[in-house]
Amino acid sequence: MPRFVFCDFPLGAPCGKPYDVVMQRQIVGLGLDLLVTATRPGTTVVAPFTWGDDTWKEKCFTKERPFLDEAATAKWLERKQAYKDLKAGRT
């Protein structure tokens, strides 16, 4: 990867918080600036933004889904179980 803007955000939110247009534009701007200024492959810029509460990191791969409502969490768990059953040959 020749250049990369790293944002320490939850998966699915690489350009910032939903509806935070100012943050999103600044992150996209970092990427566009990097296209111009990167002088060698592997150049990484760390975005100067935080998500706020870092509890999402602890919950990211657990059954507790901090970004899904109750119905979406139930659907996610059903699909996860269906995949496990398929993988185990219990279709």
PDB file of N, CA and C in Angstrom:
ATOM      1  N   MET A   1       0.853  -1.165   0.000  1.00  0.00           N
ATOM      2  CA  MET A   1       0.000   0.000   0.000  1.00  0.00           C
ATOM      3  C   MET A   1       0.906   1.237   0.000  1.00  0.00           C
ATOM      4  N   PRO A   2       0.815   2.049  -0.995  1.00  0.00           N
ATOM      5  CA  PRO A   2       1.737   3.172  -1.096  1.00  0.00           C
ATOM      6  C   PRO A   2       1.504   4.291  -0.095  1.00  0.00           C
ATOM      7  N   ARG A   3       0.270   4.495   0.313  1.00  0.00           N
ATOM      8  CA  ARG A   3      -0.030   5.563   1.276  1.00  0.00           C
ATOM      9  C   ARG A   3      -1.310   5.206   2.015  1.00  0.00           C
ATOM     10  N   PHE A   4      -1.407   5.687   3.256  1.00  0.00           N
ATOM     11  CA  PHE A   4      -2.499   5.233   4.098  1.00  0.00           C
ATOM     12  C   PHE A   4      -2.823   6.282   5.156  1.00  0.00           C
ATOM     13  N   VAL A   5      -4.111   6.575   5.335  1.00  0.00           N
ATOM     14  CA  VAL A   5      -4.555   7.438   6.432  1.00  0.00           C
ATOM     15  C   VAL A   5      -5.211   6.523   7.461  1.00  0.00           C
ATOM     16  N   PHE A   6      -4.654   6.476   8.663  1.00  0.00           N
ATOM     17  CA  PHE A   6      -5.180   5.620   9.721  1.00  0.00           C
ATOM     18  C   PHE A   6      -6.106   6.409  10.628  1.00  0.00           C
ATOM     19  N   CYS A   7      -7.309   5.882  10.790  1.00  0.00           N
ATOM     20  CA  CYS A   7      -8.287   6.450  11.723  1.00  0.00           C
ATOM     21  C   CYS A   7      -8.645   5.345  12.709  1.00  0.00           C
ATOM     22  N   ASP A   8      -8.444   5.588  13.968  1.00  0.00           N
ATOM     23  CA  ASP A   8      -8.733   4.588  14.995  1.00  0.00           C
ATOM     24  C   ASP A   8     -10.215   4.638  15.340  1.00  0.00           C
ATOM     25  N   PHE A   9     -11.017   4.164  14.389  1.00  0.00           N
ATOM     26  CA  PHE A   9     -12.471   4.188  14.509  1.00  0.00           C
ATOM     27  C   PHE A   9     -13.018   2.775  14.363  1.00  0.00           C
ATOM     28  N   PRO A  10     -14.249   2.554  14.789  1.00  0.00           N
ATOM     29  CA  PRO A  10     -14.873   1.247  14.609  1.00  0.00           C
ATOM     30  C   PRO A  10     -14.968   0.868  13.127  1.00  0.00           C
ATOM     31  N   LEU A  11     -14.947  -0.440  12.869  1.00  0.00           N
ATOM     32  CA  LEU A  11     -15.104  -0.923  11.501  1.00  0.00           C
ATOM     33  C   LEU A  11     -16.395  -0.378  10.912  1.00  0.00           C
ATOM     34  N   GLY A  12     -16.332   0.008   9.666  1.00  0.00           N
ATOM     35  CA  GLY A  12     -17.502   0.548   9.003  1.00  0.00           C
ATOM     36  C   GLY A  12     -17.619   2.061   9.095  1.00  0.00           C
ATOM     37  N   ALA A  13     -16.689   2.671   9.805  1.00  0.00           N
ATOM     38  CA  ALA A  13     -16.727   4.132   9.936  1.00  0.00           C
ATOM     39  C   ALA A  13     -15.346   4.711   9.639  1.00  0.00           C
ATOM     40  N   PRO A  14     -14.777   4.416   8.465  1.00  0.00           N
ATOM     41  CA  PRO A  14     -13.405   4.849   8.195  1.00  0.00           C
ATOM     42  C   PRO A  14     -13.243   6.348   8.020  1.00  0.00           C
ATOM     43  N   CYS A  15     -14.325   7.044   7.758  1.00  0.00           N
ATOM     44  CA  CYS A  15     -14.221   8.492   7.513  1.00  0.00           C
ATOM     45  C   CYS A  15     -14.855   9.315   8.616  1.00  0.00           C
ATOM     46  N   GLY A  16     -15.036   8.736   9.791  1.00  0.00           N
ATOM     47  CA  GLY A  16     -15.541   9.521  10.905  1.00  0.00           C
ATOM     48  C   GLY A  16     -16.930   9.132  11.360  1.00  0.00           C
ATOM     49  N   LYS A  17     -17.372   9.867  12.353  1.00  0.00           N
ATOM     50  CA  LYS A  17     -18.680   9.600  12.958  1.00  0.00           C
ATOM     51  C   LYS A  17     -19.812   9.936  11.987  1.00  0.00           C
ATOM     52  N   PRO A  18     -20.891   9.177  12.051  1.00  0.00           N
ATOM     53  CA  PRO A  18     -22.040   9.498  11.199  1.00  0.00           C
ATOM     54  C   PRO A  18     -22.529  10.917  11.460  1.00  0.00           C
ATOM     55  N   TYR A  19     -22.829  11.611  10.408  1.00  0.00           N
ATOM     56  CA  TYR A  19     -23.389  12.973  10.427  1.00  0.00           C
ATOM     57  C   TYR A  19     -22.399  14.047  10.882  1.00  0.00           C
ATOM     58  N   ASP A  20     -21.143  13.670  11.133  1.00  0.00           N
ATOM     59  CA  ASP A  20     -20.137  14.673  11.484  1.00  0.00           C
ATOM     60  C   ASP A  20     -19.416  15.078  10.201  1.00  0.00           C
ATOM     61  N   VAL A  21     -20.069  15.935   9.433  1.00  0.00           N
ATOM     62  CA  VAL A  21     -19.586  16.311   8.105  1.00  0.00           C
ATOM     63  C   VAL A  21     -18.226  17.007   8.176  1.00  0.00           C
ATOM     64  N   VAL A  22     -18.009  17.806   9.189  1.00  0.00           N
ATOM     65  CA  VAL A  22     -16.733  18.517   9.319  1.00  0.00           C
ATOM     66  C   VAL A  22     -15.594  17.516   9.478  1.00  0.00           C
ATOM     67  N   MET A  23     -15.755  16.552  10.391  1.00  0.00           N
ATOM     68  CA  MET A  23     -14.720  15.533  10.600  1.00  0.00           C
ATOM     69  C   MET A  23     -14.508  14.720   9.326  1.00  0.00           C
ATOM     70  N   GLN A  24     -15.588  14.306   8.686  1.00  0.00           N
ATOM     71  CA  GLN A  24     -15.484  13.493   7.481  1.00  0.00           C
ATOM     72  C   GLN A  24     -14.721  14.223   6.378  1.00  0.00           C
ATOM     73  N   ARG A  25     -15.007  15.483   6.191  1.00  0.00           N
ATOM     74  CA  ARG A  25     -14.302  16.259   5.164  1.00  0.00           C
ATOM     75  C   ARG A  25     -12.825  16.413   5.501  1.00  0.00           C
ATOM     76  N   GLN A  26     -12.514  16.598   6.774  1.00  0.00           N
ATOM     77  CA  GLN A  26     -11.114  16.729   7.174  1.00  0.00           C
ATOM     78  C   GLN A  26     -10.359  15.421   6.933  1.00  0.00           C
ATOM     79  N   ILE A  27     -10.989  14.290   7.204  1.00  0.00           N
ATOM     80  CA  ILE A  27     -10.335  12.998   6.985  1.00  0.00           C
ATOM     81  C   ILE A  27     -10.120  12.751   5.494  1.00  0.00           C
ATOM     82  N   VAL A  28     -11.126  13.037   4.688  1.00  0.00           N
ATOM     83  CA  VAL A  28     -10.957  12.902   3.236  1.00  0.00           C
ATOM     84  C   VAL A  28      -9.867  13.861   2.755  1.00  0.00           C
ATOM     85  N   GLY A  29      -9.823  15.043   3.324  1.00  0.00           N
ATOM     86  CA  GLY A  29      -8.774  16.009   2.977  1.00  0.00           C
ATOM     87  C   GLY A  29      -7.384  15.484   3.305  1.00  0.00           C
ATOM     88  N   LEU A  30      -7.248  14.799   4.450  1.00  0.00           N
ATOM     89  CA  LEU A  30      -5.957  14.192   4.794  1.00  0.00           C
ATOM     90  C   LEU A  30      -5.537  13.199   3.722  1.00  0.00           C
ATOM     91  N   GLY A  31      -6.489  12.414   3.261  1.00  0.00           N
ATOM     92  CA  GLY A  31      -6.186  11.430   2.223  1.00  0.00           C
ATOM     93  C   GLY A  31      -5.781  12.077   0.916  1.00  0.00           C
ATOM     94  N   LEU A  32      -6.501  13.100   0.522  1.00  0.00           N
ATOM     95  CA  LEU A  32      -6.163  13.795  -0.725  1.00  0.00           C
ATOM     96  C   LEU A  32      -4.807  14.494  -0.620  1.00  0.00           C
ATOM     97  N   ASP A  33      -4.543  15.111   0.524  1.00  0.00           N
ATOM     98  CA  ASP A  33      -3.236  15.743   0.724  1.00  0.00           C
ATOM     99  C   ASP A  33      -2.122  14.706   0.659  1.00  0.00           C
ATOM    100  N   LEU A  34      -2.368  13.535   1.224  1.00  0.00           N
ATOM    101  CA  LEU A  34      -1.358  12.478   1.231  1.00  0.00           C
ATOM    102  C   LEU A  34      -1.047  12.006  -0.182  1.00  0.00           C
ATOM    103  N   LEU A  35      -2.043  12.000  -1.058  1.00  0.00           N
ATOM    104  CA  LEU A  35      -1.785  11.620  -2.449  1.00  0.00           C
ATOM    105  C   LEU A  35      -0.761  12.550  -3.092  1.00  0.00           C
ATOM    106  N   VAL A  36      -0.767  13.792  -2.672  1.00  0.00           N
ATOM    107  CA  VAL A  36       0.146  14.783  -3.238  1.00  0.00           C
ATOM    108  C   VAL A  36       1.507  14.761  -2.543  1.00  0.00           C
ATOM    109  N   THR A  37       1.502  14.556  -1.222  1.00  0.00           N
ATOM    110  CA  THR A  37       2.739  14.745  -0.455  1.00  0.00           C
ATOM    111  C   THR A  37       3.539  13.474  -0.186  1.00  0.00           C
ATOM    112  N   ALA A  38       2.952  12.309  -0.318  1.00  0.00           N
ATOM    113  CA  ALA A  38       3.681  11.072  -0.010  1.00  0.00           C
ATOM    114  C   ALA A  38       4.846  10.918  -0.983  1.00  0.00           C
ATOM    115  N   THR A  39       6.027  10.732  -0.439  1.00  0.00           N
ATOM    116  CA  THR A  39       7.217  10.630  -1.285  1.00  0.00           C
ATOM    117  C   THR A  39       7.704   9.197  -1.460  1.00  0.00           C
ATOM    118  N   ARG A  40       7.147   8.266  -0.670  1.00  0.00           N
ATOM    119  CA  ARG A  40       7.590   6.869  -0.796  1.00  0.00           C
ATOM    120  C   ARG A  40       6.472   5.924  -0.383  1.00  0.00           C
ATOM    121  N   PRO A  41       6.537   4.683  -0.849  1.00  0.00           N
ATOM    122  CA  PRO A  41       5.526   3.695  -0.455  1.00  0.00           C
ATOM    123  C   PRO A  41       5.536   3.472   1.054  1.00  0.00           C
ATOM    124  N   GLY A  42       4.394   3.130   1.572  1.00  0.00           N
ATOM    125  CA  GLY A  42       4.287   2.840   3.000  1.00  0.00           C
ATOM    126  C   GLY A  42       4.084   4.066   3.869  1.00  0.00           C
ATOM    127  N   THR A  43       3.885   5.210   3.264  1.00  0.00           N
ATOM    128  CA  THR A  43       3.665   6.431   4.036  1.00  0.00           C
ATOM    129  C   THR A  43       2.317   6.351   4.749  1.00  0.00           C
ATOM    130  N   THR A  44       2.331   6.568   6.051  1.00  0.00           N
ATOM    131  CA  THR A  44       1.108   6.514   6.854  1.00  0.00           C
ATOM    132  C   THR A  44       0.930   7.820   7.605  1.00  0.00           C
ATOM    133  N   VAL A  45      -0.294   8.323   7.575  1.00  0.00           N
ATOM    134  CA  VAL A  45      -0.664   9.503   8.351  1.00  0.00           C
ATOM    135  C   VAL A  45      -1.720   9.053   9.354  1.00  0.00           C
ATOM    136  N   VAL A  46      -1.532   9.412  10.600  1.00  0.00           N
ATOM    137  CA  VAL A  46      -2.511   9.082  11.637  1.00  0.00           C
ATOM    138  C   VAL A  46      -3.433  10.284  11.810  1.00  0.00           C
ATOM    139  N   ALA A  47      -4.719  10.048  11.601  1.00  0.00           N
ATOM    140  CA  ALA A  47      -5.698  11.138  11.743  1.00  0.00           C
ATOM    141  C   ALA A  47      -5.735  11.606  13.196  1.00  0.00           C
ATOM    142  N   PRO A  48      -5.829  12.900  13.415  1.00  0.00           N
ATOM    143  CA  PRO A  48      -5.788  13.447  14.773  1.00  0.00           C
ATOM    144  C   PRO A  48      -7.142  13.439  15.478  1.00  0.00           C
ATOM    145  N   PHE A  49      -7.991  12.494  15.132  1.00  0.00           N
ATOM    146  CA  PHE A  49      -9.332  12.450  15.700  1.00  0.00           C
ATOM    147  C   PHE A  49      -9.504  11.217  16.576  1.00  0.00           C
ATOM    148  N   THR A  50     -10.381  11.326  17.546  1.00  0.00           N
ATOM    149  CA  THR A  50     -10.735  10.169  18.368  1.00  0.00           C
ATOM    150  C   THR A  50     -12.236   9.948  18.262  1.00  0.00           C
ATOM    151  N   TRP A  51     -12.645   8.723  18.490  1.00  0.00           N
ATOM    152  CA  TRP A  51     -14.068   8.401  18.459  1.00  0.00           C
ATOM    153  C   TRP A  51     -14.749   8.934  19.702  1.00  0.00           C
ATOM    154  N   GLY A  52     -13.957   9.132  20.736  1.00  0.00           N
ATOM    155  CA  GLY A  52     -14.508   9.574  22.025  1.00  0.00           C
ATOM    156  C   GLY A  52     -14.335   8.450  23.020  1.00  0.00           C
ATOM    157  N   ASP A  53     -15.387   7.758  23.278  1.00  0.00           N
ATOM    158  CA  ASP A  53     -15.391   6.637  24.214  1.00  0.00           C
ATOM    159  C   ASP A  53     -14.769   5.418  23.526  1.00  0.00           C
ATOM    160  N   ASP A  54     -13.700   4.855  24.099  1.00  0.00           N
ATOM    161  CA  ASP A  54     -13.023   3.713  23.485  1.00  0.00           C
ATOM    162  C   ASP A  54     -13.620   2.363  23.869  1.00  0.00           C
ATOM    163  N   THR A  55     -14.793   2.339  24.481  1.00  0.00           N
ATOM    164  CA  THR A  55     -15.377   1.048  24.854  1.00  0.00           C
ATOM    165  C   THR A  55     -15.718   0.209  23.634  1.00  0.00           C
ATOM    166  N   TRP A  56     -15.852   0.818  22.445  1.00  0.00           N
ATOM    167  CA  TRP A  56     -16.135   0.053  21.235  1.00  0.00           C
ATOM    168  C   TRP A  56     -15.018  -0.947  20.955  1.00  0.00           C
ATOM    169  N   LYS A  57     -13.791  -0.634  21.351  1.00  0.00           N
ATOM    170  CA  LYS A  57     -12.665  -1.538  21.113  1.00  0.00           C
ATOM    171  C   LYS A  57     -12.823  -2.832  21.909  1.00  0.00           C
ATOM    172  N   GLU A  58     -13.345  -2.715  23.120  1.00  0.00           N
ATOM    173  CA  GLU A  58     -13.537  -3.890  23.960  1.00  0.00           C
ATOM    174  C   GLU A  58     -14.695  -4.747  23.477  1.00  0.00           C
ATOM    175  N   LYS A  59     -15.674  -4.134  22.834  1.00  0.00           N
ATOM    176  CA  LYS A  59     -16.892  -4.834  22.438  1.00  0.00           C
ATOM    177  C   LYS A  59     -16.888  -5.281  20.983  1.00  0.00           C
ATOM    178  N   CYS A  60     -15.878  -4.913  20.238  1.00  0.00           N
ATOM    179  CA  CYS A  60     -15.881  -5.085  18.789  1.00  0.00           C
ATOM    180  C   CYS A  60     -16.137  -6.525  18.350  1.00  0.00           C
ATOM    181  N   PHE A  61     -15.534  -7.507  18.987  1.00  0.00           N
ATOM    182  CA  PHE A  61     -15.674  -8.884  18.558  1.00  0.00           C
ATOM    183  C   PHE A  61     -16.424  -9.745  19.574  1.00  0.00           C
ATOM    184  N   THR A  62     -17.251  -9.125  20.370  1.00  0.00           N
ATOM    185  CA  THR A  62     -18.053  -9.848  21.338  1.00  0.00           C
ATOM    186  C   THR A  62     -19.494  -9.915  20.848  1.00  0.00           C
ATOM    187  N   LYS A  63     -20.329 -10.613  21.588  1.00  0.00           N
ATOM    188  CA  LYS A  63     -21.743 -10.696  21.220  1.00  0.00           C
ATOM    189  C   LYS A  63     -22.449  -9.362  21.440  1.00  0.00           C
ATOM    190  N   GLU A  64     -21.901  -8.537  22.306  1.00  0.00           N
ATOM    191  CA  GLU A  64     -22.474  -7.223  22.528  1.00  0.00           C
ATOM    192  C   GLU A  64     -22.026  -6.309  21.387  1.00  0.00           C
ATOM    193  N   ARG A  65     -22.951  -5.842  20.603  1.00  0.00           N
ATOM    194  CA  ARG A  65     -22.638  -5.022  19.434  1.00  0.00           C
ATOM    195  C   ARG A  65     -23.016  -3.576  19.730  1.00  0.00           C
ATOM    196  N   PRO A  66     -22.059  -2.724  20.047  1.00  0.00           N
ATOM    197  CA  PRO A  66     -22.391  -1.371  20.501  1.00  0.00           C
ATOM    198  C   PRO A  66     -23.004  -0.464  19.441  1.00  0.00           C
ATOM    199  N   PHE A  67     -22.959  -0.860  18.174  1.00  0.00           N
ATOM    200  CA  PHE A  67     -23.464   0.026  17.135  1.00  0.00           C
ATOM    201  C   PHE A  67     -24.745  -0.484  16.506  1.00  0.00           C
ATOM    202  N   LEU A  68     -25.274  -1.578  17.010  1.00  0.00           N
ATOM    203  CA  LEU A  68     -26.490  -2.153  16.452  1.00  0.00           C
ATOM    204  C   LEU A  68     -27.624  -2.052  17.457  1.00  0.00           C
ATOM    205  N   ASP A  69     -28.829  -1.817  16.959  1.00  0.00           N
ATOM    206  CA  ASP A  69     -29.969  -1.841  17.864  1.00  0.00           C
ATOM    207  C   ASP A  69     -30.317  -3.300  18.175  1.00  0.00           C
ATOM    208  N   GLU A  70     -31.300  -3.514  19.003  1.00  0.00           N
ATOM    209  CA  GLU A  70     -31.626  -4.862  19.473  1.00  0.00           C
ATOM    210  C   GLU A  70     -31.988  -5.807  18.325  1.00  0.00           C
ATOM    211  N   ALA A  71     -32.805  -5.357  17.380  1.00  0.00           N
ATOM    212  CA  ALA A  71     -33.222  -6.203  16.251  1.00  0.00           C
ATOM    213  C   ALA A  71     -32.031  -6.548  15.357  1.00  0.00           C
ATOM    214  N   ALA A  72     -31.167  -5.563  15.085  1.00  0.00           N
ATOM    215  CA  ALA A  72     -29.996  -5.809  14.245  1.00  0.00           C
ATOM    216  C   ALA A  72     -29.012  -6.748  14.941  1.00  0.00           C
ATOM    217  N   THR A  73     -28.873  -6.620  16.261  1.00  0.00           N
ATOM    218  CA  THR A  73     -28.002  -7.520  17.002  1.00  0.00           C
ATOM    219  C   THR A  73     -28.525  -8.947  16.932  1.00  0.00           C
ATOM    220  N   ALA A  74     -29.834  -9.129  17.089  1.00  0.00           N
ATOM    221  CA  ALA A  74     -30.430 -10.462  17.006  1.00  0.00           C
ATOM    222  C   ALA A  74     -30.209 -11.061  15.624  1.00  0.00           C
ATOM    223  N   LYS A  75     -30.380 -10.272  14.580  1.00  0.00           N
ATOM    224  CA  LYS A  75     -30.159 -10.756  13.218  1.00  0.00           C
ATOM    225  C   LYS A  75     -28.698 -11.136  13.012  1.00  0.00           C
ATOM    226  N   TRP A  76     -27.775 -10.326  13.531  1.00  0.00           N
ATOM    227  CA  TRP A  76     -26.351 -10.615  13.418  1.00  0.00           C
ATOM    228  C   TRP A  76     -26.013 -11.941  14.107  1.00  0.00           C
ATOM    229  N   LEU A  77     -26.565 -12.152  15.314  1.00  0.00           N
ATOM    230  CA  LEU A  77     -26.307 -13.396  16.030  1.00  0.00           C
ATOM    231  C   LEU A  77     -26.881 -14.598  15.292  1.00  0.00           C
ATOM    232  N   GLU A  78     -28.062 -14.458  14.680  1.00  0.00           N
ATOM    233  CA  GLU A  78     -28.653 -15.546  13.898  1.00  0.00           C
ATOM    234  C   GLU A  78     -27.768 -15.894  12.702  1.00  0.00           C
ATOM    235  N   ARG A  79     -27.293 -14.885  12.001  1.00  0.00           N
ATOM    236  CA  ARG A  79     -26.434 -15.127  10.836  1.00  0.00           C
ATOM    237  C   ARG A  79     -25.110 -15.744  11.259  1.00  0.00           C
ATOM    238  N   LYS A  80     -24.590 -15.317  12.394  1.00  0.00           N
ATOM    239  CA  LYS A  80     -23.336 -15.881  12.908  1.00  0.00           C
ATOM    240  C   LYS A  80     -23.523 -17.354  13.240  1.00  0.00           C
ATOM    241  N   GLN A  81     -24.651 -17.707  13.878  1.00  0.00           N
ATOM    242  CA  GLN A  81     -24.925 -19.095  14.216  1.00  0.00           C
ATOM    243  C   GLN A  81     -25.148 -19.934  12.950  1.00  0.00           C
ATOM    244  N   ALA A  82     -25.836 -19.372  11.974  1.00  0.00           N
ATOM    245  CA  ALA A  82     -26.060 -20.087  10.708  1.00  0.00           C
ATOM    246  C   ALA A  82     -24.728 -20.393  10.029  1.00  0.00           C
ATOM    247  N   TYR A  83     -23.802 -19.460  10.069  1.00  0.00           N
ATOM    248  CA  TYR A  83     -22.482 -19.690   9.490  1.00  0.00           C
ATOM    249  C   TYR A  83     -21.749 -20.796  10.244  1.00  0.00           C
ATOM    250  N   LYS A  84     -21.814 -20.774  11.575  1.00  0.00           N
ATOM    251  CA  LYS A  84     -21.169 -21.829  12.369  1.00  0.00           C
ATOM    252  C   LYS A  84     -21.769 -23.190  12.040  1.00  0.00           C
ATOM    253  N   ASP A  85     -23.105 -23.252  11.908  1.00  0.00           N
ATOM    254  CA  ASP A  85     -23.761 -24.510  11.564  1.00  0.00           C
ATOM    255  C   ASP A  85     -23.343 -24.988  10.179  1.00  0.00           C
ATOM    256  N   LEU A  86     -23.279 -24.085   9.215  1.00  0.00           N
ATOM    257  CA  LEU A  86     -22.878 -24.434   7.866  1.00  0.00           C
ATOM    258  C   LEU A  86     -21.447 -24.955   7.862  1.00  0.00           C
ATOM    259  N   LYS A  87     -20.589 -24.288   8.600  1.00  0.00           N
ATOM    260  CA  LYS A  87     -19.179 -24.682   8.676  1.00  0.00           C
ATOM    261  C   LYS A  87     -19.031 -26.055   9.327  1.00  0.00           C
ATOM    262  N   ALA A  88     -19.880 -26.357  10.286  1.00  0.00           N
ATOM    263  CA  ALA A  88     -19.825 -27.645  10.983  1.00  0.00           C
ATOM    264  C   ALA A  88     -20.571 -28.749  10.227  1.00  0.00           C
ATOM    265  N   GLY A  89     -21.204 -28.389   9.095  1.00  0.00           N
ATOM    266  CA  GLY A  89     -21.921 -29.385   8.316  1.00  0.00           C
ATOM    267  C   GLY A  89     -23.324 -29.647   8.799  1.00  0.00           C
ATOM    268  N   ARG A  90     -23.859 -28.760   9.616  1.00  0.00           N
ATOM    269  CA  ARG A  90     -25.227 -28.921  10.166  1.00  0.00           C
ATOM    270  C   ARG A  90     -26.175 -27.979   9.436  1.00  0.00           C
ATOM    271  N   THR A  91     -26.318 -28.112   8.154  1.00  0.00           N
ATOM    272  CA  THR A  91     -27.161 -27.182   7.392  1.00  0.00           C
ATOM    273  C   THR A  91     -28.606 -27.377   7.593  1.00  0.00           C
TER     274      THR A  91
END
